[in-house]
Amino acid sequence: MEAKAGDHIVVEATVVDQSRREGEVLEVIGSGDRTCYRVRWRDGHESVFHPGPGAHVTSPG
């Protein structure tokens, strides 16, 4: 997964009673296999996110 600042990340739920998470990429940290992202999630929380198999990028809008 490759994203840039301003892109949106969607993380699909892996457990039945969980909901999907959506957020905006604020910063790309590192490169190659060590890339992670600072993300502002819809609830306003910010975290450093290491993408896994349930994550994908969507364009803003």
N, C-alpha and C. Protein backbone atom coordinates (compact mmCIF):
# COMPACT_ATOMS: atom_id res chain seq x y z
N MET A 1 0.85 -1.17 0.00
CA MET A 1 0.00 0.00 0.00
C MET A 1 0.89 1.23 0.00
N GLU A 2 0.62 2.15 -0.90
CA GLU A 2 1.33 3.43 -0.95
C GLU A 2 0.32 4.55 -0.87
N ALA A 3 0.58 5.50 0.00
CA ALA A 3 -0.31 6.65 0.15
C ALA A 3 0.54 7.91 0.28
N LYS A 4 -0.10 9.03 0.07
CA LYS A 4 0.58 10.31 0.25
C LYS A 4 -0.31 11.19 1.14
N ALA A 5 0.27 12.24 1.67
CA ALA A 5 -0.49 13.16 2.53
C ALA A 5 -1.73 13.63 1.77
N GLY A 6 -2.86 13.59 2.45
CA GLY A 6 -4.13 13.99 1.85
C GLY A 6 -4.98 12.82 1.40
N ASP A 7 -4.35 11.66 1.15
CA ASP A 7 -5.12 10.47 0.80
C ASP A 7 -5.90 9.98 2.00
N HIS A 8 -6.89 9.17 1.75
CA HIS A 8 -7.68 8.57 2.81
C HIS A 8 -7.36 7.09 2.91
N ILE A 9 -7.27 6.60 4.15
CA ILE A 9 -7.02 5.18 4.40
C ILE A 9 -8.29 4.58 4.96
N VAL A 10 -8.65 3.41 4.47
CA VAL A 10 -9.79 2.66 4.98
C VAL A 10 -9.25 1.32 5.48
N VAL A 11 -9.62 0.98 6.70
CA VAL A 11 -9.22 -0.30 7.28
C VAL A 11 -10.49 -1.11 7.50
N GLU A 12 -10.63 -2.17 6.75
CA GLU A 12 -11.82 -3.02 6.86
C GLU A 12 -11.78 -3.82 8.16
N ALA A 13 -12.94 -4.03 8.75
CA ALA A 13 -13.05 -4.79 9.99
C ALA A 13 -12.67 -6.25 9.74
N THR A 14 -11.97 -6.83 10.71
CA THR A 14 -11.60 -8.24 10.60
C THR A 14 -12.42 -9.11 11.55
N VAL A 15 -13.20 -8.46 12.41
CA VAL A 15 -14.06 -9.16 13.36
C VAL A 15 -15.49 -8.68 13.11
N VAL A 16 -16.45 -9.56 13.23
CA VAL A 16 -17.84 -9.27 12.87
C VAL A 16 -18.40 -8.03 13.56
N ASP A 17 -18.15 -7.84 14.84
CA ASP A 17 -18.78 -6.72 15.55
C ASP A 17 -17.95 -5.44 15.53
N GLN A 18 -16.90 -5.38 14.73
CA GLN A 18 -16.12 -4.16 14.57
C GLN A 18 -16.59 -3.41 13.33
N SER A 19 -16.38 -2.10 13.33
CA SER A 19 -16.70 -1.33 12.13
C SER A 19 -15.40 -0.94 11.43
N ARG A 20 -15.52 -0.53 10.19
CA ARG A 20 -14.34 -0.11 9.43
C ARG A 20 -13.83 1.20 10.02
N ARG A 21 -12.53 1.44 9.87
CA ARG A 21 -11.91 2.70 10.30
C ARG A 21 -11.54 3.49 9.06
N GLU A 22 -11.74 4.79 9.13
CA GLU A 22 -11.38 5.65 8.02
C GLU A 22 -10.64 6.86 8.56
N GLY A 23 -9.62 7.29 7.82
CA GLY A 23 -8.86 8.45 8.25
C GLY A 23 -8.11 9.09 7.11
N GLU A 24 -7.53 10.25 7.40
CA GLU A 24 -6.77 11.02 6.41
C GLU A 24 -5.29 10.93 6.74
N VAL A 25 -4.48 10.66 5.72
CA VAL A 25 -3.03 10.61 5.90
C VAL A 25 -2.52 12.04 6.07
N LEU A 26 -1.83 12.28 7.19
CA LEU A 26 -1.25 13.58 7.45
C LEU A 26 0.22 13.63 7.07
N GLU A 27 0.90 12.48 7.23
CA GLU A 27 2.35 12.44 6.99
C GLU A 27 2.77 11.01 6.65
N VAL A 28 3.71 10.90 5.72
CA VAL A 28 4.31 9.61 5.39
C VAL A 28 5.63 9.54 6.15
N ILE A 29 5.84 8.45 6.89
CA ILE A 29 7.04 8.29 7.70
C ILE A 29 7.80 7.07 7.18
N GLY A 30 9.07 7.26 6.85
CA GLY A 30 9.90 6.17 6.36
C GLY A 30 9.68 5.92 4.87
N SER A 31 10.20 4.79 4.40
CA SER A 31 10.05 4.42 2.99
C SER A 31 10.21 2.92 2.83
N GLY A 32 9.83 2.43 1.67
CA GLY A 32 9.96 1.01 1.36
C GLY A 32 9.14 0.15 2.31
N ASP A 33 9.74 -0.93 2.79
CA ASP A 33 9.05 -1.85 3.70
C ASP A 33 8.80 -1.25 5.08
N ARG A 34 9.44 -0.14 5.37
CA ARG A 34 9.30 0.48 6.70
C ARG A 34 8.38 1.70 6.68
N THR A 35 7.57 1.83 5.67
CA THR A 35 6.68 2.98 5.57
C THR A 35 5.52 2.85 6.55
N CYS A 36 5.25 3.92 7.26
CA CYS A 36 4.06 4.02 8.10
C CYS A 36 3.50 5.42 7.91
N TYR A 37 2.35 5.68 8.46
CA TYR A 37 1.64 6.90 8.19
C TYR A 37 1.09 7.50 9.48
N ARG A 38 1.18 8.84 9.59
CA ARG A 38 0.48 9.52 10.67
C ARG A 38 -0.91 9.82 10.12
N VAL A 39 -1.94 9.33 10.80
CA VAL A 39 -3.32 9.39 10.30
C VAL A 39 -4.21 10.08 11.32
N ARG A 40 -5.09 10.96 10.84
CA ARG A 40 -6.16 11.52 11.68
C ARG A 40 -7.42 10.74 11.34
N TRP A 41 -7.89 9.96 12.31
CA TRP A 41 -9.07 9.12 12.12
C TRP A 41 -10.33 9.96 12.22
N ARG A 42 -11.44 9.45 11.73
CA ARG A 42 -12.71 10.18 11.72
C ARG A 42 -13.14 10.71 13.08
N ASP A 43 -12.75 9.99 14.15
CA ASP A 43 -13.14 10.42 15.49
C ASP A 43 -12.23 11.53 16.03
N GLY A 44 -11.25 12.00 15.22
CA GLY A 44 -10.36 13.08 15.62
C GLY A 44 -9.05 12.59 16.23
N HIS A 45 -8.96 11.31 16.55
CA HIS A 45 -7.77 10.72 17.12
C HIS A 45 -6.68 10.63 16.05
N GLU A 46 -5.43 10.90 16.43
CA GLU A 46 -4.30 10.73 15.51
C GLU A 46 -3.41 9.62 16.01
N SER A 47 -2.87 8.84 15.07
CA SER A 47 -1.94 7.78 15.44
C SER A 47 -1.00 7.49 14.29
N VAL A 48 0.09 6.79 14.62
CA VAL A 48 1.00 6.29 13.59
C VAL A 48 0.47 4.91 13.21
N PHE A 49 0.25 4.71 11.93
CA PHE A 49 -0.42 3.52 11.43
C PHE A 49 0.52 2.73 10.53
N HIS A 50 0.68 1.45 10.82
CA HIS A 50 1.43 0.51 9.98
C HIS A 50 0.39 -0.31 9.23
N PRO A 51 0.24 -0.15 7.92
CA PRO A 51 -0.83 -0.83 7.19
C PRO A 51 -0.70 -2.34 7.20
N GLY A 52 -1.84 -3.00 7.27
CA GLY A 52 -1.92 -4.45 7.22
C GLY A 52 -2.77 -4.87 6.04
N PRO A 53 -3.12 -6.14 5.96
CA PRO A 53 -3.84 -6.66 4.81
C PRO A 53 -5.25 -6.11 4.63
N GLY A 54 -5.88 -5.57 5.67
CA GLY A 54 -7.24 -5.05 5.53
C GLY A 54 -7.30 -3.58 5.16
N ALA A 55 -6.14 -2.96 4.89
CA ALA A 55 -6.09 -1.52 4.62
C ALA A 55 -5.97 -1.22 3.13
N HIS A 56 -6.64 -0.16 2.70
CA HIS A 56 -6.46 0.31 1.32
C HIS A 56 -6.61 1.83 1.28
N VAL A 57 -6.12 2.41 0.21
CA VAL A 57 -6.12 3.86 0.03
C VAL A 57 -7.24 4.27 -0.90
N THR A 58 -7.90 5.36 -0.56
CA THR A 58 -8.88 5.97 -1.46
C THR A 58 -8.50 7.43 -1.65
N SER A 59 -8.90 8.01 -2.74
CA SER A 59 -8.65 9.42 -2.98
C SER A 59 -9.61 10.25 -2.15
N PRO A 60 -9.19 11.44 -1.73
CA PRO A 60 -10.09 12.31 -0.98
C PRO A 60 -11.30 12.70 -1.84
N GLY A 61 -12.39 12.93 -1.14
CA GLY A 61 -13.57 13.40 -1.87
C GLY A 61 -14.60 12.42 -2.07
